[in-house]
Amino acid sequence: MTAGERVVVVGAGVAGLTTAVVLAEAGASVHVIAEQVPGVTSLAAGAMWGPYLVEPKDKVDQWGQRSLEIFRKLAEDPATGVRLTSGIEASRTAEAPPDWATTLPGFRPCEPAELPAGFTAGYRFTVPLIDMPTYLGYLLRRLDAAGGTVERRRLASLADAAPAPVIVNCTGLGAQELVPDHDLRPIRGQHVVVTNPGLTEFFSEDTGLSPDLLCFYPHGDTVVLGGTAIDGEGSLAPDDTAAANIRARCAEVEPRLAEARVLEHRIGARPTRSAVRVEAERRKDGTVVVHNYGHGGAGVTLSWGCAQEARMLLDLE
């Protein structure tokens, strides 16, 4: 890829916007096409850095660590919506901590008195928390400053993004039809946003593969409560029963949340496949397509690492 070459990035979730920023700042002429700007699934994220339940592990570790480095730098500027926050990840069984957690600042096992009732193990560490509406707005401003442009339009196929010698596919769940990729499936996630009763630390339960999650992430005046992970479900309609259960689970751990006022519900469909796909292909018409999708619930965590991998793939052309 040469400087000034036109690149169309399809998708404006965290993967698409981050990739667009990386390519535009590298000198490409970037045009983003997306039906929703920013993408609703990315807007619905909690979001805490952590490479959960995604493969391939070796690449995920590299992408996640690269993103972690950048999020730490972004946390120096409050306007980004990124903050380094201390908190606890706990388990109701005596699980060993994930290897990524042990390398984080402030990592230590919790004392029994630090854990809520019913929990047998836990770990404290400091990690980036990302307020997604603020952060996605920051990425859009950064893209604009780098000369990138954005168009709201629904595509029937990737070919509809032409003419462009390079197309970057960051369509998330949309890749089911646009590629098509039948290995891709939705995992529905729902969060409840409430007023902050004074929380400054996050809490997250290691729930494994359960569809019922328990986490809360403070973002200044608000707290994002989670959550759900309904495999195979892609509906974005609010589920009142699920929302009530989310609030009850969180309030059991942190009673101050019981009376917090509900501000909004955020629902997304995590684009999940057997392995994250970041690779290039040359189509019969000569167009180079770089795929960057299938991040499951780790889209934010992997965003900068995958974006830079996409850039390296284009540099090889």
Protein backbone atom coordinates (compact mmCIF):
# COMPACT_ATOMS: atom_id res chain seq x y z
CA MET A 1 0.00 0.00 0.00
CA THR A 2 1.36 3.39 -0.96
CA ALA A 3 0.79 6.69 0.82
CA GLY A 4 -2.39 8.37 -0.32
CA GLU A 5 -3.92 5.19 -1.72
CA ARG A 6 -7.69 4.94 -1.27
CA VAL A 7 -8.87 2.46 1.36
CA VAL A 8 -12.52 1.79 2.16
CA VAL A 9 -13.17 0.48 5.66
CA VAL A 10 -16.57 -1.18 5.98
CA GLY A 11 -17.99 -0.98 9.49
CA ALA A 12 -17.86 1.70 12.19
CA GLY A 13 -17.71 -0.29 15.40
CA VAL A 14 -14.58 -0.22 17.51
CA ALA A 15 -12.72 -2.50 15.07
CA GLY A 16 -13.63 -0.42 12.02
CA LEU A 17 -12.97 2.99 13.56
CA THR A 18 -9.68 1.92 15.15
CA THR A 19 -8.48 0.38 11.89
CA ALA A 20 -9.54 3.48 9.98
CA VAL A 21 -7.57 5.70 12.39
CA VAL A 22 -4.45 3.53 12.14
CA LEU A 23 -4.55 3.51 8.32
CA ALA A 24 -5.38 7.21 7.97
CA GLU A 25 -2.57 8.18 10.32
CA ALA A 26 -0.25 5.96 8.27
CA GLY A 27 -1.04 8.08 5.20
CA ALA A 28 -3.86 6.21 3.47
CA SER A 29 -6.89 8.03 2.08
CA VAL A 30 -9.53 6.36 4.27
CA HIS A 31 -13.26 6.32 3.66
CA VAL A 32 -15.53 4.52 6.14
CA ILE A 33 -18.88 3.10 5.04
CA ALA A 34 -21.29 1.82 7.68
CA GLU A 35 -25.00 1.54 8.23
CA GLN A 36 -24.64 2.69 11.85
CA VAL A 37 -22.06 5.22 13.04
CA PRO A 38 -20.84 4.30 15.54
CA GLY A 39 -21.82 0.64 15.62
CA VAL A 40 -24.47 -0.30 18.19
CA THR A 41 -22.70 -3.40 19.49
CA SER A 42 -19.57 -1.41 20.31
CA LEU A 43 -21.70 1.29 21.95
CA ALA A 44 -23.20 -1.41 24.18
CA ALA A 45 -19.86 -2.69 25.49
CA GLY A 46 -19.00 -2.31 29.19
CA ALA A 47 -16.04 -2.06 28.60
CA MET A 48 -13.06 -3.52 30.46
CA TRP A 49 -9.84 -4.64 28.81
CA GLY A 50 -9.48 -8.43 29.03
CA PRO A 51 -8.93 -11.08 26.32
CA TYR A 52 -11.90 -13.29 27.20
CA LEU A 53 -12.87 -16.52 25.45
CA VAL A 54 -11.31 -15.84 22.03
CA GLU A 55 -8.84 -17.70 19.85
CA PRO A 56 -6.16 -18.13 18.52
CA LYS A 57 -4.52 -17.62 21.90
CA ASP A 58 -1.02 -16.72 20.69
CA LYS A 59 -2.29 -14.00 18.37
CA VAL A 60 -4.93 -12.83 20.86
CA ASP A 61 -2.21 -12.38 23.49
CA GLN A 62 -0.15 -10.25 21.08
CA TRP A 63 -3.10 -8.15 19.92
CA GLY A 64 -4.36 -7.69 23.46
CA GLN A 65 -1.01 -6.58 24.83
CA ARG A 66 -0.55 -4.06 22.02
CA SER A 67 -4.01 -2.64 22.71
CA LEU A 68 -3.24 -2.51 26.45
CA GLU A 69 -0.16 -0.37 25.81
CA ILE A 70 -2.19 2.11 23.78
CA PHE A 71 -5.12 2.24 26.22
CA ARG A 72 -2.68 3.05 29.02
CA LYS A 73 -1.46 6.03 27.03
CA LEU A 74 -4.99 7.11 26.14
CA ALA A 75 -5.91 7.02 29.84
CA GLU A 76 -3.67 10.09 30.32
CA ASP A 77 -6.31 12.15 28.47
CA PRO A 78 -9.77 12.23 30.13
CA ALA A 79 -11.37 13.24 26.82
CA THR A 80 -10.77 9.73 25.43
CA GLY A 81 -13.13 8.07 27.92
CA VAL A 82 -10.35 5.65 28.97
CA ARG A 83 -9.38 5.39 32.64
CA LEU A 84 -7.09 3.06 34.58
CA THR A 85 -9.30 1.61 37.31
CA SER A 86 -8.69 -0.77 40.18
CA GLY A 87 -11.14 -3.52 41.04
CA ILE A 88 -11.78 -7.18 41.68
CA GLU A 89 -12.47 -10.22 39.53
CA ALA A 90 -13.92 -12.96 41.72
CA SER A 91 -15.07 -16.56 41.46
CA ARG A 92 -17.47 -18.74 43.44
CA THR A 93 -15.01 -21.61 42.97
CA ALA A 94 -11.30 -21.58 43.72
CA GLU A 95 -10.26 -20.84 40.15
CA ALA A 96 -6.72 -19.82 39.25
CA PRO A 97 -6.48 -16.31 37.79
CA PRO A 98 -6.25 -15.95 34.01
CA ASP A 99 -2.63 -15.56 32.92
CA TRP A 100 -3.28 -12.11 31.42
CA ALA A 101 -4.46 -10.80 34.79
CA THR A 102 -1.30 -11.76 36.66
CA THR A 103 0.77 -9.33 34.60
CA LEU A 104 -1.43 -6.30 35.35
CA PRO A 105 -0.38 -3.55 37.78
CA GLY A 106 -1.48 -4.09 41.37
CA PHE A 107 -2.27 -7.77 40.85
CA ARG A 108 -2.70 -9.69 44.10
CA PRO A 109 -5.04 -12.32 45.51
CA CYS A 110 -7.90 -10.92 47.58
CA GLU A 111 -8.18 -11.47 51.30
CA PRO A 112 -11.37 -13.35 52.27
CA ALA A 113 -12.78 -10.20 53.89
CA GLU A 114 -12.58 -8.37 50.52
CA LEU A 115 -14.89 -10.84 48.78
CA PRO A 116 -18.69 -10.67 48.68
CA ALA A 117 -20.67 -13.48 50.32
CA GLY A 118 -20.62 -16.67 48.27
CA PHE A 119 -17.27 -16.02 46.59
CA THR A 120 -14.29 -18.22 47.41
CA ALA A 121 -11.50 -16.60 45.38
CA GLY A 122 -10.70 -13.25 43.84
CA TYR A 123 -7.96 -11.07 42.47
CA ARG A 124 -7.38 -7.36 42.51
CA PHE A 125 -5.71 -5.52 39.63
CA THR A 126 -5.72 -2.25 37.70
CA VAL A 127 -6.96 -2.25 34.13
CA PRO A 128 -8.30 0.17 31.50
CA LEU A 129 -12.05 0.82 31.66
CA ILE A 130 -13.49 2.40 28.53
CA ASP A 131 -16.65 4.54 28.46
CA MET A 132 -17.71 3.51 24.98
CA PRO A 133 -19.94 6.40 23.84
CA THR A 134 -17.18 8.85 24.80
CA TYR A 135 -14.43 6.68 23.36
CA LEU A 136 -16.11 6.05 20.00
CA GLY A 137 -16.71 9.79 19.69
CA TYR A 138 -13.00 10.32 20.32
CA LEU A 139 -12.10 7.84 17.56
CA LEU A 140 -14.40 9.63 15.11
CA ARG A 141 -12.76 12.97 15.91
CA ARG A 142 -9.31 11.45 15.55
CA LEU A 143 -10.26 9.94 12.19
CA ASP A 144 -11.55 13.30 10.99
CA ALA A 145 -8.33 14.98 12.09
CA ALA A 146 -6.36 12.42 10.04
CA GLY A 147 -8.40 13.24 6.92
CA GLY A 148 -10.71 10.24 7.00
CA THR A 149 -14.32 10.48 5.82
CA VAL A 150 -17.46 8.64 6.90
CA GLU A 151 -20.54 7.64 4.89
CA ARG A 152 -23.69 6.11 6.35
CA ARG A 153 -24.86 3.48 3.89
CA ARG A 154 -25.94 -0.16 3.98
CA LEU A 155 -24.03 -2.44 1.63
CA ALA A 156 -25.52 -5.49 -0.07
CA SER A 157 -22.02 -6.89 -0.66
CA LEU A 158 -18.39 -5.92 -0.14
CA ALA A 159 -18.22 -5.19 -3.86
CA ASP A 160 -20.66 -2.32 -3.27
CA ALA A 161 -17.82 -0.52 -1.43
CA ALA A 162 -15.90 -0.14 -4.72
CA PRO A 163 -14.22 1.54 -6.43
CA ALA A 164 -11.22 1.06 -4.15
CA PRO A 165 -8.06 -1.00 -4.54
CA VAL A 166 -8.26 -1.94 -0.85
CA ILE A 167 -11.33 -2.81 1.23
CA VAL A 168 -11.07 -3.55 4.95
CA ASN A 169 -13.93 -5.70 6.22
CA CYS A 170 -14.75 -4.74 9.82
CA THR A 171 -18.43 -5.58 9.56
CA GLY A 172 -18.67 -7.78 12.64
CA LEU A 173 -21.84 -9.83 12.47
CA GLY A 174 -22.57 -8.36 9.05
CA ALA A 175 -19.82 -10.60 7.65
CA GLN A 176 -22.27 -13.50 7.92
CA GLU A 177 -23.89 -12.27 4.71
CA LEU A 178 -21.27 -9.97 3.17
CA VAL A 179 -18.42 -12.51 3.00
CA PRO A 180 -20.41 -14.84 3.52
CA ASP A 181 -19.05 -16.47 6.69
CA HIS A 182 -21.20 -19.23 8.14
CA ASP A 183 -18.76 -19.78 11.03
CA LEU A 184 -19.94 -16.47 12.50
CA ARG A 185 -22.73 -16.35 15.08
CA PRO A 186 -24.18 -13.76 17.46
CA ILE A 187 -23.90 -13.82 21.24
CA ARG A 188 -26.43 -11.35 22.58
CA GLY A 189 -25.26 -9.01 25.32
CA GLN A 190 -27.34 -6.65 27.45
CA HIS A 191 -26.19 -3.99 29.90
CA VAL A 192 -28.13 -1.65 32.15
CA VAL A 193 -26.76 1.86 32.70
CA VAL A 194 -27.60 3.45 36.07
CA THR A 195 -26.65 6.52 38.08
CA ASN A 196 -23.48 6.05 40.09
CA PRO A 197 -24.14 5.84 43.86
CA GLY A 198 -20.45 6.46 44.61
CA LEU A 199 -18.57 3.51 43.10
CA THR A 200 -14.98 4.02 42.02
CA GLU A 201 -13.90 0.40 41.50
CA PHE A 202 -15.09 -2.28 39.09
CA PHE A 203 -16.27 -5.77 39.98
CA SER A 204 -16.45 -8.77 37.66
CA GLU A 205 -17.35 -12.38 38.30
CA ASP A 206 -15.60 -15.14 36.39
CA THR A 207 -18.77 -16.87 35.16
CA GLY A 208 -17.11 -19.01 32.49
CA LEU A 209 -19.56 -20.00 29.76
CA SER A 210 -22.70 -19.05 31.70
CA PRO A 211 -25.22 -16.85 29.84
CA ASP A 212 -25.72 -14.84 33.05
CA LEU A 213 -22.86 -12.44 33.72
CA LEU A 214 -22.16 -10.29 36.75
CA CYS A 215 -20.10 -7.14 36.45
CA PHE A 216 -20.28 -3.42 37.09
CA TYR A 217 -18.08 -0.75 35.63
CA PRO A 218 -18.14 2.81 37.01
CA HIS A 219 -17.75 5.63 34.49
CA GLY A 220 -17.91 8.86 36.45
CA ASP A 221 -21.58 9.70 37.01
CA THR A 222 -22.81 6.38 35.61
CA VAL A 223 -22.27 2.66 36.15
CA VAL A 224 -22.67 -0.01 33.48
CA LEU A 225 -24.21 -3.18 34.93
CA GLY A 226 -23.88 -6.51 33.20
CA GLY A 227 -24.84 -8.66 31.76
CA THR A 228 -25.88 -11.49 29.45
CA ALA A 229 -24.23 -13.75 26.88
CA ILE A 230 -26.99 -15.57 24.98
CA ASP A 231 -25.28 -17.76 22.39
CA GLY A 232 -26.98 -17.74 18.99
CA GLU A 233 -29.32 -14.86 19.85
CA GLY A 234 -28.97 -11.68 17.79
CA SER A 235 -32.06 -9.68 18.76
CA LEU A 236 -31.38 -6.12 19.87
CA ALA A 237 -34.73 -5.64 21.61
CA PRO A 238 -34.54 -4.89 25.36
CA ASP A 239 -35.43 -7.80 27.64
CA ASP A 240 -37.04 -6.44 30.81
CA THR A 241 -36.68 -9.71 32.70
CA ALA A 242 -33.00 -9.96 31.86
CA ALA A 243 -32.51 -6.32 32.91
CA ALA A 244 -34.18 -6.95 36.27
CA ASN A 245 -32.01 -10.00 36.85
CA ILE A 246 -28.87 -8.06 35.96
CA ARG A 247 -29.76 -5.37 38.50
CA ALA A 248 -30.53 -7.98 41.16
CA ARG A 249 -27.24 -9.83 40.64
CA CYS A 250 -25.23 -6.62 40.84
CA ALA A 251 -27.12 -5.28 43.87
CA GLU A 252 -26.46 -8.54 45.73
CA VAL A 253 -22.74 -7.79 45.46
CA GLU A 254 -23.03 -4.00 45.84
CA PRO A 255 -26.21 -3.01 47.74
CA ARG A 256 -25.83 0.67 46.81
CA LEU A 257 -26.84 -0.27 43.27
CA ALA A 258 -30.30 -1.41 44.36
CA GLU A 259 -31.68 2.14 44.40
CA ALA A 260 -29.68 3.53 41.48
CA ARG A 261 -31.86 5.09 38.78
CA VAL A 262 -31.91 3.33 35.40
CA LEU A 263 -30.77 5.63 32.60
CA GLU A 264 -30.75 3.32 29.60
CA HIS A 265 -30.43 -0.23 28.30
CA ARG A 266 -27.65 -1.14 25.88
CA ILE A 267 -27.93 -4.26 23.74
CA GLY A 268 -25.47 -5.67 21.24
CA ALA A 269 -24.71 -8.90 19.39
CA ARG A 270 -21.10 -9.99 19.83
CA PRO A 271 -19.75 -11.31 16.48
CA THR A 272 -18.30 -14.67 17.46
CA ARG A 273 -16.52 -17.40 15.50
CA SER A 274 -14.08 -20.23 16.22
CA ALA A 275 -11.16 -17.82 15.76
CA VAL A 276 -10.78 -14.09 15.18
CA ARG A 277 -10.20 -13.47 11.49
CA VAL A 278 -7.47 -11.00 10.52
CA GLU A 279 -6.14 -11.88 7.08
CA ALA A 280 -5.86 -10.58 3.52
CA GLU A 281 -7.20 -11.98 0.27
CA ARG A 282 -6.88 -10.79 -3.31
CA ARG A 283 -10.14 -11.07 -5.24
CA LYS A 284 -10.46 -11.93 -8.91
CA ASP A 285 -10.87 -8.27 -9.87
CA GLY A 286 -7.58 -7.42 -8.15
CA THR A 287 -9.15 -5.81 -5.10
CA VAL A 288 -7.32 -6.58 -1.86
CA VAL A 289 -9.73 -7.35 0.99
CA VAL A 290 -8.41 -7.39 4.54
CA HIS A 291 -10.76 -9.09 6.99
CA ASN A 292 -10.82 -7.93 10.62
CA TYR A 293 -13.84 -9.38 12.42
CA GLY A 294 -15.08 -12.15 14.70
CA HIS A 295 -13.74 -10.70 17.97
CA GLY A 296 -16.61 -11.96 20.13
CA GLY A 297 -16.70 -10.10 23.44
CA ALA A 298 -13.08 -8.95 23.08
CA GLY A 299 -13.49 -6.38 20.30
CA VAL A 300 -12.34 -3.46 22.42
CA THR A 301 -9.52 -5.48 23.98
CA LEU A 302 -8.08 -6.51 20.61
CA SER A 303 -8.92 -3.37 18.64
CA TRP A 304 -5.53 -1.67 18.39
CA GLY A 305 -3.57 -4.89 17.95
CA CYS A 306 -5.83 -6.12 15.16
CA ALA A 307 -5.84 -2.70 13.49
CA GLN A 308 -2.06 -2.68 13.39
CA GLU A 309 -2.03 -6.23 12.05
CA ALA A 310 -4.34 -5.06 9.26
CA ARG A 311 -1.92 -2.25 8.48
CA MET A 312 1.01 -4.69 8.32
CA LEU A 313 -0.93 -6.95 5.95
CA LEU A 314 -1.46 -3.99 3.62
CA ASP A 315 2.17 -2.96 3.81
CA LEU A 316 3.04 -6.37 2.32
CA GLU A 317 1.04 -5.69 -0.83
